[in-house]
Amino acid sequence: MYCIMLSDKFGFDLDEIILDKLAKNAQRYPVEFAYGNSNKAN
């Protein structure tokens, strides 16, 4: 809750930040590689 209030105070767009992070993770950890694999990706 505090993070949401703080981001609102400083004018950060949480929706944009979250969607950007999800896009980066999708590139770094593609489903074909990561699904069912518990090994650490480096």
PDB file of N, CA and C in Angstrom:
ATOM      1  N   MET A   1       0.817  -1.174   0.000  1.00  0.00           N
ATOM      2  CA  MET A   1       0.000   0.000   0.000  1.00  0.00           C
ATOM      3  C   MET A   1       0.871   1.253   0.000  1.00  0.00           C
ATOM      4  N   TYR A   2       1.938   1.208   0.798  1.00  0.00           N
ATOM      5  CA  TYR A   2       2.839   2.350   0.885  1.00  0.00           C
ATOM      6  C   TYR A   2       3.480   2.638  -0.467  1.00  0.00           C
ATOM      7  N   CYS A   3       3.864   1.598  -1.196  1.00  0.00           N
ATOM      8  CA  CYS A   3       4.493   1.781  -2.510  1.00  0.00           C
ATOM      9  C   CYS A   3       3.538   2.452  -3.488  1.00  0.00           C
ATOM     10  N   ILE A   4       2.280   2.095  -3.423  1.00  0.00           N
ATOM     11  CA  ILE A   4       1.285   2.695  -4.317  1.00  0.00           C
ATOM     12  C   ILE A   4       1.119   4.173  -3.991  1.00  0.00           C
ATOM     13  N   MET A   5       1.026   4.489  -2.725  1.00  0.00           N
ATOM     14  CA  MET A   5       0.883   5.885  -2.324  1.00  0.00           C
ATOM     15  C   MET A   5       2.122   6.697  -2.691  1.00  0.00           C
ATOM     16  N   LEU A   6       3.287   6.125  -2.487  1.00  0.00           N
ATOM     17  CA  LEU A   6       4.540   6.811  -2.800  1.00  0.00           C
ATOM     18  C   LEU A   6       4.685   7.042  -4.302  1.00  0.00           C
ATOM     19  N   SER A   7       4.342   6.047  -5.091  1.00  0.00           N
ATOM     20  CA  SER A   7       4.438   6.205  -6.542  1.00  0.00           C
ATOM     21  C   SER A   7       3.449   7.255  -7.044  1.00  0.00           C
ATOM     22  N   ASP A   8       2.282   7.329  -6.420  1.00  0.00           N
ATOM     23  CA  ASP A   8       1.307   8.349  -6.797  1.00  0.00           C
ATOM     24  C   ASP A   8       1.830   9.745  -6.452  1.00  0.00           C
ATOM     25  N   LYS A   9       2.462   9.870  -5.308  1.00  0.00           N
ATOM     26  CA  LYS A   9       3.005  11.164  -4.875  1.00  0.00           C
ATOM     27  C   LYS A   9       4.084  11.663  -5.826  1.00  0.00           C
ATOM     28  N   PHE A  10       4.927  10.753  -6.326  1.00  0.00           N
ATOM     29  CA  PHE A  10       6.022  11.145  -7.209  1.00  0.00           C
ATOM     30  C   PHE A  10       5.661  11.063  -8.690  1.00  0.00           C
ATOM     31  N   GLY A  11       4.436  10.660  -8.995  1.00  0.00           N
ATOM     32  CA  GLY A  11       3.958  10.683 -10.367  1.00  0.00           C
ATOM     33  C   GLY A  11       4.395   9.524 -11.234  1.00  0.00           C
ATOM     34  N   PHE A  12       4.758   8.400 -10.627  1.00  0.00           N
ATOM     35  CA  PHE A  12       5.128   7.217 -11.403  1.00  0.00           C
ATOM     36  C   PHE A  12       3.868   6.518 -11.894  1.00  0.00           C
ATOM     37  N   ASP A  13       3.918   5.996 -13.098  1.00  0.00           N
ATOM     38  CA  ASP A  13       2.793   5.254 -13.670  1.00  0.00           C
ATOM     39  C   ASP A  13       3.037   3.764 -13.428  1.00  0.00           C
ATOM     40  N   LEU A  14       2.396   3.223 -12.396  1.00  0.00           N
ATOM     41  CA  LEU A  14       2.624   1.823 -12.021  1.00  0.00           C
ATOM     42  C   LEU A  14       2.224   0.859 -13.122  1.00  0.00           C
ATOM     43  N   ASP A  15       1.152   1.150 -13.839  1.00  0.00           N
ATOM     44  CA  ASP A  15       0.737   0.267 -14.930  1.00  0.00           C
ATOM     45  C   ASP A  15       1.838   0.156 -15.974  1.00  0.00           C
ATOM     46  N   GLU A  16       2.425   1.275 -16.340  1.00  0.00           N
ATOM     47  CA  GLU A  16       3.494   1.274 -17.338  1.00  0.00           C
ATOM     48  C   GLU A  16       4.734   0.548 -16.825  1.00  0.00           C
ATOM     49  N   ILE A  17       5.081   0.769 -15.572  1.00  0.00           N
ATOM     50  CA  ILE A  17       6.259   0.122 -14.980  1.00  0.00           C
ATOM     51  C   ILE A  17       6.075  -1.390 -14.931  1.00  0.00           C
ATOM     52  N   ILE A  18       4.899  -1.834 -14.515  1.00  0.00           N
ATOM     53  CA  ILE A  18       4.634  -3.274 -14.406  1.00  0.00           C
ATOM     54  C   ILE A  18       4.622  -3.935 -15.781  1.00  0.00           C
ATOM     55  N   LEU A  19       3.969  -3.297 -16.752  1.00  0.00           N
ATOM     56  CA  LEU A  19       3.921  -3.866 -18.098  1.00  0.00           C
ATOM     57  C   LEU A  19       5.314  -3.917 -18.732  1.00  0.00           C
ATOM     58  N   ASP A  20       6.135  -2.905 -18.469  1.00  0.00           N
ATOM     59  CA  ASP A  20       7.509  -2.895 -18.974  1.00  0.00           C
ATOM     60  C   ASP A  20       8.313  -4.043 -18.368  1.00  0.00           C
ATOM     61  N   LYS A  21       8.150  -4.256 -17.075  1.00  0.00           N
ATOM     62  CA  LYS A  21       8.854  -5.349 -16.391  1.00  0.00           C
ATOM     63  C   LYS A  21       8.398  -6.709 -16.922  1.00  0.00           C
ATOM     64  N   LEU A  22       7.107  -6.872 -17.155  1.00  0.00           N
ATOM     65  CA  LEU A  22       6.603  -8.134 -17.698  1.00  0.00           C
ATOM     66  C   LEU A  22       7.159  -8.389 -19.097  1.00  0.00           C
ATOM     67  N   ALA A  23       7.273  -7.338 -19.905  1.00  0.00           N
ATOM     68  CA  ALA A  23       7.831  -7.488 -21.255  1.00  0.00           C
ATOM     69  C   ALA A  23       9.302  -7.889 -21.198  1.00  0.00           C
ATOM     70  N   LYS A  24      10.055  -7.283 -20.285  1.00  0.00           N
ATOM     71  CA  LYS A  24      11.473  -7.639 -20.132  1.00  0.00           C
ATOM     72  C   LYS A  24      11.621  -9.091 -19.685  1.00  0.00           C
ATOM     73  N   ASN A  25      10.776  -9.508 -18.733  1.00  0.00           N
ATOM     74  CA  ASN A  25      10.842 -10.891 -18.258  1.00  0.00           C
ATOM     75  C   ASN A  25      10.460 -11.876 -19.358  1.00  0.00           C
ATOM     76  N   ALA A  26       9.496 -11.511 -20.190  1.00  0.00           N
ATOM     77  CA  ALA A  26       9.087 -12.390 -21.294  1.00  0.00           C
ATOM     78  C   ALA A  26      10.227 -12.587 -22.283  1.00  0.00           C
ATOM     79  N   GLN A  27      11.028 -11.556 -22.501  1.00  0.00           N
ATOM     80  CA  GLN A  27      12.182 -11.686 -23.399  1.00  0.00           C
ATOM     81  C   GLN A  27      13.276 -12.516 -22.756  1.00  0.00           C
ATOM     82  N   ARG A  28      13.499 -12.291 -21.473  1.00  0.00           N
ATOM     83  CA  ARG A  28      14.596 -12.977 -20.785  1.00  0.00           C
ATOM     84  C   ARG A  28      14.269 -14.438 -20.482  1.00  0.00           C
ATOM     85  N   TYR A  29      13.018 -14.711 -20.165  1.00  0.00           N
ATOM     86  CA  TYR A  29      12.594 -16.064 -19.800  1.00  0.00           C
ATOM     87  C   TYR A  29      11.449 -16.510 -20.702  1.00  0.00           C
ATOM     88  N   PRO A  30      11.739 -16.892 -21.936  1.00  0.00           N
ATOM     89  CA  PRO A  30      10.664 -17.334 -22.832  1.00  0.00           C
ATOM     90  C   PRO A  30       9.990 -18.597 -22.289  1.00  0.00           C
ATOM     91  N   VAL A  31       8.715 -18.722 -22.551  1.00  0.00           N
ATOM     92  CA  VAL A  31       7.931 -19.839 -22.026  1.00  0.00           C
ATOM     93  C   VAL A  31       8.518 -21.177 -22.459  1.00  0.00           C
ATOM     94  N   GLU A  32       8.963 -21.261 -23.707  1.00  0.00           N
ATOM     95  CA  GLU A  32       9.507 -22.522 -24.226  1.00  0.00           C
ATOM     96  C   GLU A  32      10.723 -22.981 -23.422  1.00  0.00           C
ATOM     97  N   PHE A  33      11.499 -22.038 -22.900  1.00  0.00           N
ATOM     98  CA  PHE A  33      12.692 -22.378 -22.138  1.00  0.00           C
ATOM     99  C   PHE A  33      12.377 -22.583 -20.661  1.00  0.00           C
ATOM    100  N   ALA A  34      11.542 -21.726 -20.108  1.00  0.00           N
ATOM    101  CA  ALA A  34      11.357 -21.689 -18.667  1.00  0.00           C
ATOM    102  C   ALA A  34      10.297 -22.663 -18.143  1.00  0.00           C
ATOM    103  N   TYR A  35       9.296 -22.996 -18.946  1.00  0.00           N
ATOM    104  CA  TYR A  35       8.194 -23.827 -18.453  1.00  0.00           C
ATOM    105  C   TYR A  35       8.690 -25.210 -18.061  1.00  0.00           C
ATOM    106  N   GLY A  36       8.471 -25.588 -16.812  1.00  0.00           N
ATOM    107  CA  GLY A  36       8.847 -26.904 -16.315  1.00  0.00           C
ATOM    108  C   GLY A  36      10.325 -27.069 -16.056  1.00  0.00           C
ATOM    109  N   ASN A  37      11.083 -25.981 -16.076  1.00  0.00           N
ATOM    110  CA  ASN A  37      12.529 -26.035 -15.874  1.00  0.00           C
ATOM    111  C   ASN A  37      12.869 -25.246 -14.627  1.00  0.00           C
ATOM    112  N   SER A  38      13.420 -25.928 -13.635  1.00  0.00           N
ATOM    113  CA  SER A  38      13.749 -25.239 -12.378  1.00  0.00           C
ATOM    114  C   SER A  38      15.189 -24.762 -12.338  1.00  0.00           C
ATOM    115  N   ASN A  39      15.944 -24.960 -13.411  1.00  0.00           N
ATOM    116  CA  ASN A  39      17.330 -24.493 -13.450  1.00  0.00           C
ATOM    117  C   ASN A  39      17.371 -22.979 -13.528  1.00  0.00           C
ATOM    118  N   LYS A  40      18.423 -22.403 -12.943  1.00  0.00           N
ATOM    119  CA  LYS A  40      18.583 -20.960 -12.995  1.00  0.00           C
ATOM    120  C   LYS A  40      19.083 -20.549 -14.368  1.00  0.00           C
ATOM    121  N   ALA A  41      18.460 -19.543 -14.957  1.00  0.00           N
ATOM    122  CA  ALA A  41      18.867 -19.055 -16.266  1.00  0.00           C
ATOM    123  C   ALA A  41      19.904 -17.958 -16.093  1.00  0.00           C
ATOM    124  N   ASN A  42      21.064 -18.154 -16.681  1.00  0.00           N
ATOM    125  CA  ASN A  42      22.119 -17.136 -16.621  1.00  0.00           C
ATOM    126  C   ASN A  42      22.478 -16.690 -17.996  1.00  0.00           C
TER     127      ASN A  42
END
